[in-house]
């Protein structure tokens, strides 16, 4: 088992993938700021509770009796994109507020950097613990 397969690192990787997906959705909102009728979208909020116990091996269980419940374990879930309710709507029906979208992009970037820092520091701690002392 690789060090990066530890649950902590899997959760951090999943969080970073969520931030990448959200960055794309926010960029689409900004790109369509002048499109008539375009509704601002956002990605469903990330929750570590949703990812506890997941594995990235793509395993699935099989039922041996009709009373058993079939389940699938997947580490790569698709992020759910939702329509975003906003207070401001232009006369053309567009609900994108550029200032709001830029604030979300900045927040997303800072959170992504925090996750990458945690990931890097975690790997550094493991390297230090495994290193030979001279």
C-alpha atoms as a PDB file:
ATOM      1  CA  UNK A   1       0.000   0.000   0.000  1.00  0.00           C
ATOM      2  CA  UNK A   2       1.352   3.383  -0.969  1.00  0.00           C
ATOM      3  CA  UNK A   3       1.609   6.176   1.568  1.00  0.00           C
ATOM      4  CA  UNK A   4      -0.758   8.294  -0.500  1.00  0.00           C
ATOM      5  CA  UNK A   5      -3.455   5.606  -0.140  1.00  0.00           C
ATOM      6  CA  UNK A   6      -3.918   6.478   3.530  1.00  0.00           C
ATOM      7  CA  UNK A   7      -7.437   7.794   4.275  1.00  0.00           C
ATOM      8  CA  UNK A   8      -6.141  11.253   5.216  1.00  0.00           C
ATOM      9  CA  UNK A   9      -4.391  11.671   1.885  1.00  0.00           C
ATOM     10  CA  UNK A  10      -7.373  10.262  -0.024  1.00  0.00           C
ATOM     11  CA  UNK A  11      -9.645  12.828   1.686  1.00  0.00           C
ATOM     12  CA  UNK A  12      -7.250  15.675   0.868  1.00  0.00           C
ATOM     13  CA  UNK A  13      -6.987  14.539  -2.776  1.00  0.00           C
ATOM     14  CA  UNK A  14     -10.761  14.406  -2.994  1.00  0.00           C
ATOM     15  CA  UNK A  15     -11.008  17.910  -1.516  1.00  0.00           C
ATOM     16  CA  UNK A  16      -8.476  19.231  -4.044  1.00  0.00           C
ATOM     17  CA  UNK A  17     -10.430  17.623  -6.912  1.00  0.00           C
ATOM     18  CA  UNK A  18     -13.591  19.286  -5.590  1.00  0.00           C
ATOM     19  CA  UNK A  19     -11.823  22.664  -5.639  1.00  0.00           C
ATOM     20  CA  UNK A  20     -10.680  22.064  -9.223  1.00  0.00           C
ATOM     21  CA  UNK A  21     -14.246  21.266 -10.281  1.00  0.00           C
ATOM     22  CA  UNK A  22     -15.580  24.335  -8.485  1.00  0.00           C
ATOM     23  CA  UNK A  23     -12.953  26.539 -10.149  1.00  0.00           C
ATOM     24  CA  UNK A  24     -14.232  25.387 -13.552  1.00  0.00           C
ATOM     25  CA  UNK A  25     -17.871  26.076 -12.659  1.00  0.00           C
ATOM     26  CA  UNK A  26     -17.048  29.554 -11.320  1.00  0.00           C
ATOM     27  CA  UNK A  27     -15.021  30.296 -14.452  1.00  0.00           C
ATOM     28  CA  UNK A  28     -18.050  29.298 -16.578  1.00  0.00           C
ATOM     29  CA  UNK A  29     -20.181  31.719 -14.569  1.00  0.00           C
ATOM     30  CA  UNK A  30     -17.771  34.567 -15.290  1.00  0.00           C
ATOM     31  CA  UNK A  31     -17.496  33.595 -18.967  1.00  0.00           C
ATOM     32  CA  UNK A  32     -21.300  33.767 -19.259  1.00  0.00           C
ATOM     33  CA  UNK A  33     -21.714  37.014 -17.321  1.00  0.00           C
ATOM     34  CA  UNK A  34     -23.229  38.730 -20.370  1.00  0.00           C
ATOM     35  CA  UNK A  35     -25.277  35.783 -21.658  1.00  0.00           C
ATOM     36  CA  UNK A  36     -29.009  36.547 -21.457  1.00  0.00           C
ATOM     37  CA  UNK A  37     -30.896  34.123 -19.218  1.00  0.00           C
ATOM     38  CA  UNK A  38     -27.783  32.442 -17.813  1.00  0.00           C
ATOM     39  CA  UNK A  39     -28.194  31.341 -14.194  1.00  0.00           C
ATOM     40  CA  UNK A  40     -25.134  31.329 -11.921  1.00  0.00           C
ATOM     41  CA  UNK A  41     -24.153  27.844 -10.774  1.00  0.00           C
ATOM     42  CA  UNK A  42     -22.042  26.472  -7.952  1.00  0.00           C
ATOM     43  CA  UNK A  43     -20.857  23.054  -6.816  1.00  0.00           C
ATOM     44  CA  UNK A  44     -22.525  21.328  -3.882  1.00  0.00           C
ATOM     45  CA  UNK A  45     -20.580  22.086  -0.699  1.00  0.00           C
ATOM     46  CA  UNK A  46     -17.824  19.578   0.075  1.00  0.00           C
ATOM     47  CA  UNK A  47     -18.170  17.524   3.239  1.00  0.00           C
ATOM     48  CA  UNK A  48     -15.499  15.227   4.655  1.00  0.00           C
ATOM     49  CA  UNK A  49     -18.335  13.194   6.216  1.00  0.00           C
ATOM     50  CA  UNK A  50     -19.382  12.139   2.699  1.00  0.00           C
ATOM     51  CA  UNK A  51     -15.897  10.762   2.023  1.00  0.00           C
ATOM     52  CA  UNK A  52     -15.114   8.943   5.272  1.00  0.00           C
ATOM     53  CA  UNK A  53     -14.596   5.252   4.623  1.00  0.00           C
ATOM     54  CA  UNK A  54     -14.451   5.556   0.845  1.00  0.00           C
ATOM     55  CA  UNK A  55     -11.692   3.826  -1.015  1.00  0.00           C
ATOM     56  CA  UNK A  56     -10.261   4.626  -4.423  1.00  0.00           C
ATOM     57  CA  UNK A  57     -10.061   1.032  -5.597  1.00  0.00           C
ATOM     58  CA  UNK A  58     -13.409   0.911  -7.449  1.00  0.00           C
ATOM     59  CA  UNK A  59     -14.572  -2.125  -5.487  1.00  0.00           C
ATOM     60  CA  UNK A  60     -18.141  -3.276  -5.522  1.00  0.00           C
ATOM     61  CA  UNK A  61     -19.924  -5.742  -3.298  1.00  0.00           C
ATOM     62  CA  UNK A  62     -22.000  -8.651  -4.495  1.00  0.00           C
ATOM     63  CA  UNK A  63     -25.157  -9.929  -2.846  1.00  0.00           C
ATOM     64  CA  UNK A  64     -25.453 -13.566  -1.852  1.00  0.00           C
ATOM     65  CA  UNK A  65     -29.090 -13.410  -0.761  1.00  0.00           C
ATOM     66  CA  UNK A  66     -32.093 -11.427  -1.942  1.00  0.00           C
ATOM     67  CA  UNK A  67     -32.288  -9.560   1.398  1.00  0.00           C
ATOM     68  CA  UNK A  68     -28.820  -8.078   1.026  1.00  0.00           C
ATOM     69  CA  UNK A  69     -28.317  -4.517  -0.128  1.00  0.00           C
ATOM     70  CA  UNK A  70     -26.083  -3.920  -3.135  1.00  0.00           C
ATOM     71  CA  UNK A  71     -23.528  -1.160  -2.709  1.00  0.00           C
ATOM     72  CA  UNK A  72     -20.704   0.342  -4.698  1.00  0.00           C
ATOM     73  CA  UNK A  73     -17.611   1.969  -3.277  1.00  0.00           C
ATOM     74  CA  UNK A  74     -16.038   4.593  -5.459  1.00  0.00           C
ATOM     75  CA  UNK A  75     -13.388   7.156  -4.613  1.00  0.00           C
ATOM     76  CA  UNK A  76     -14.024   9.270  -7.693  1.00  0.00           C
ATOM     77  CA  UNK A  77     -17.468  10.789  -7.303  1.00  0.00           C
ATOM     78  CA  UNK A  78     -18.728  13.455  -9.627  1.00  0.00           C
ATOM     79  CA  UNK A  79     -19.386  16.808  -8.015  1.00  0.00           C
ATOM     80  CA  UNK A  80     -22.998  17.923  -8.148  1.00  0.00           C
ATOM     81  CA  UNK A  81     -23.495  21.282  -9.830  1.00  0.00           C
ATOM     82  CA  UNK A  82     -26.451  23.280  -8.530  1.00  0.00           C
ATOM     83  CA  UNK A  83     -28.253  26.357  -9.709  1.00  0.00           C
ATOM     84  CA  UNK A  84     -27.278  29.248  -7.472  1.00  0.00           C
ATOM     85  CA  UNK A  85     -29.942  31.522  -6.003  1.00  0.00           C
ATOM     86  CA  UNK A  86     -28.891  35.131  -6.176  1.00  0.00           C
ATOM     87  CA  UNK A  87     -30.400  38.411  -5.170  1.00  0.00           C
ATOM     88  CA  UNK A  88     -29.457  40.328  -8.284  1.00  0.00           C
ATOM     89  CA  UNK A  89     -30.864  39.463 -11.704  1.00  0.00           C
ATOM     90  CA  UNK A  90     -30.333  41.677 -14.726  1.00  0.00           C
ATOM     91  CA  UNK A  91     -33.219  42.662 -17.014  1.00  0.00           C
ATOM     92  CA  UNK A  92     -31.945  40.037 -19.488  1.00  0.00           C
ATOM     93  CA  UNK A  93     -32.407  37.307 -16.854  1.00  0.00           C
ATOM     94  CA  UNK A  94     -28.710  36.814 -16.104  1.00  0.00           C
ATOM     95  CA  UNK A  95     -27.946  36.152 -12.416  1.00  0.00           C
ATOM     96  CA  UNK A  96     -24.142  36.378 -12.484  1.00  0.00           C
ATOM     97  CA  UNK A  97     -22.655  39.030 -10.181  1.00  0.00           C
ATOM     98  CA  UNK A  98     -18.993  39.409 -11.154  1.00  0.00           C
ATOM     99  CA  UNK A  99     -17.877  40.705  -7.747  1.00  0.00           C
ATOM    100  CA  UNK A 100     -19.500  37.730  -6.005  1.00  0.00           C
ATOM    101  CA  UNK A 101     -17.934  35.256  -8.436  1.00  0.00           C
ATOM    102  CA  UNK A 102     -14.476  36.781  -8.021  1.00  0.00           C
ATOM    103  CA  UNK A 103     -14.786  36.538  -4.226  1.00  0.00           C
ATOM    104  CA  UNK A 104     -15.739  32.861  -4.570  1.00  0.00           C
ATOM    105  CA  UNK A 105     -12.778  32.204  -6.867  1.00  0.00           C
ATOM    106  CA  UNK A 106     -10.397  33.833  -4.384  1.00  0.00           C
ATOM    107  CA  UNK A 107     -11.870  31.828  -1.501  1.00  0.00           C
ATOM    108  CA  UNK A 108     -11.652  28.635  -3.555  1.00  0.00           C
ATOM    109  CA  UNK A 109      -8.014  29.315  -4.436  1.00  0.00           C
ATOM    110  CA  UNK A 110      -7.082  29.940  -0.793  1.00  0.00           C
ATOM    111  CA  UNK A 111      -8.838  26.757   0.353  1.00  0.00           C
ATOM    112  CA  UNK A 112      -7.101  24.756  -2.393  1.00  0.00           C
ATOM    113  CA  UNK A 113      -3.724  26.121  -1.295  1.00  0.00           C
ATOM    114  CA  UNK A 114      -4.511  25.161   2.319  1.00  0.00           C
ATOM    115  CA  UNK A 115      -5.350  21.590   1.244  1.00  0.00           C
ATOM    116  CA  UNK A 116      -2.147  21.289  -0.797  1.00  0.00           C
ATOM    117  CA  UNK A 117      -0.128  22.609   2.149  1.00  0.00           C
ATOM    118  CA  UNK A 118      -1.701  20.025   4.473  1.00  0.00           C
ATOM    119  CA  UNK A 119      -0.978  17.298   1.933  1.00  0.00           C
ATOM    120  CA  UNK A 120       2.660  18.389   1.555  1.00  0.00           C
ATOM    121  CA  UNK A 121       3.194  18.742   5.312  1.00  0.00           C
ATOM    122  CA  UNK A 122       1.652  15.299   5.917  1.00  0.00           C
ATOM    123  CA  UNK A 123       4.017  13.701   3.421  1.00  0.00           C
ATOM    124  CA  UNK A 124       6.914  15.548   5.033  1.00  0.00           C
ATOM    125  CA  UNK A 125       5.984  14.216   8.470  1.00  0.00           C
ATOM    126  CA  UNK A 126       5.843  10.666   7.152  1.00  0.00           C
ATOM    127  CA  UNK A 127       9.222  11.081   5.426  1.00  0.00           C
ATOM    128  CA  UNK A 128      10.711  12.410   8.644  1.00  0.00           C
ATOM    129  CA  UNK A 129       9.274   9.518  10.662  1.00  0.00           C
ATOM    130  CA  UNK A 130      10.628   6.943   8.191  1.00  0.00           C
ATOM    131  CA  UNK A 131      14.034   8.535   7.714  1.00  0.00           C
ATOM    132  CA  UNK A 132      17.059   6.874   9.264  1.00  0.00           C
ATOM    133  CA  UNK A 133      18.646   8.793  12.058  1.00  0.00           C
ATOM    134  CA  UNK A 134      22.399   9.087  11.793  1.00  0.00           C
END
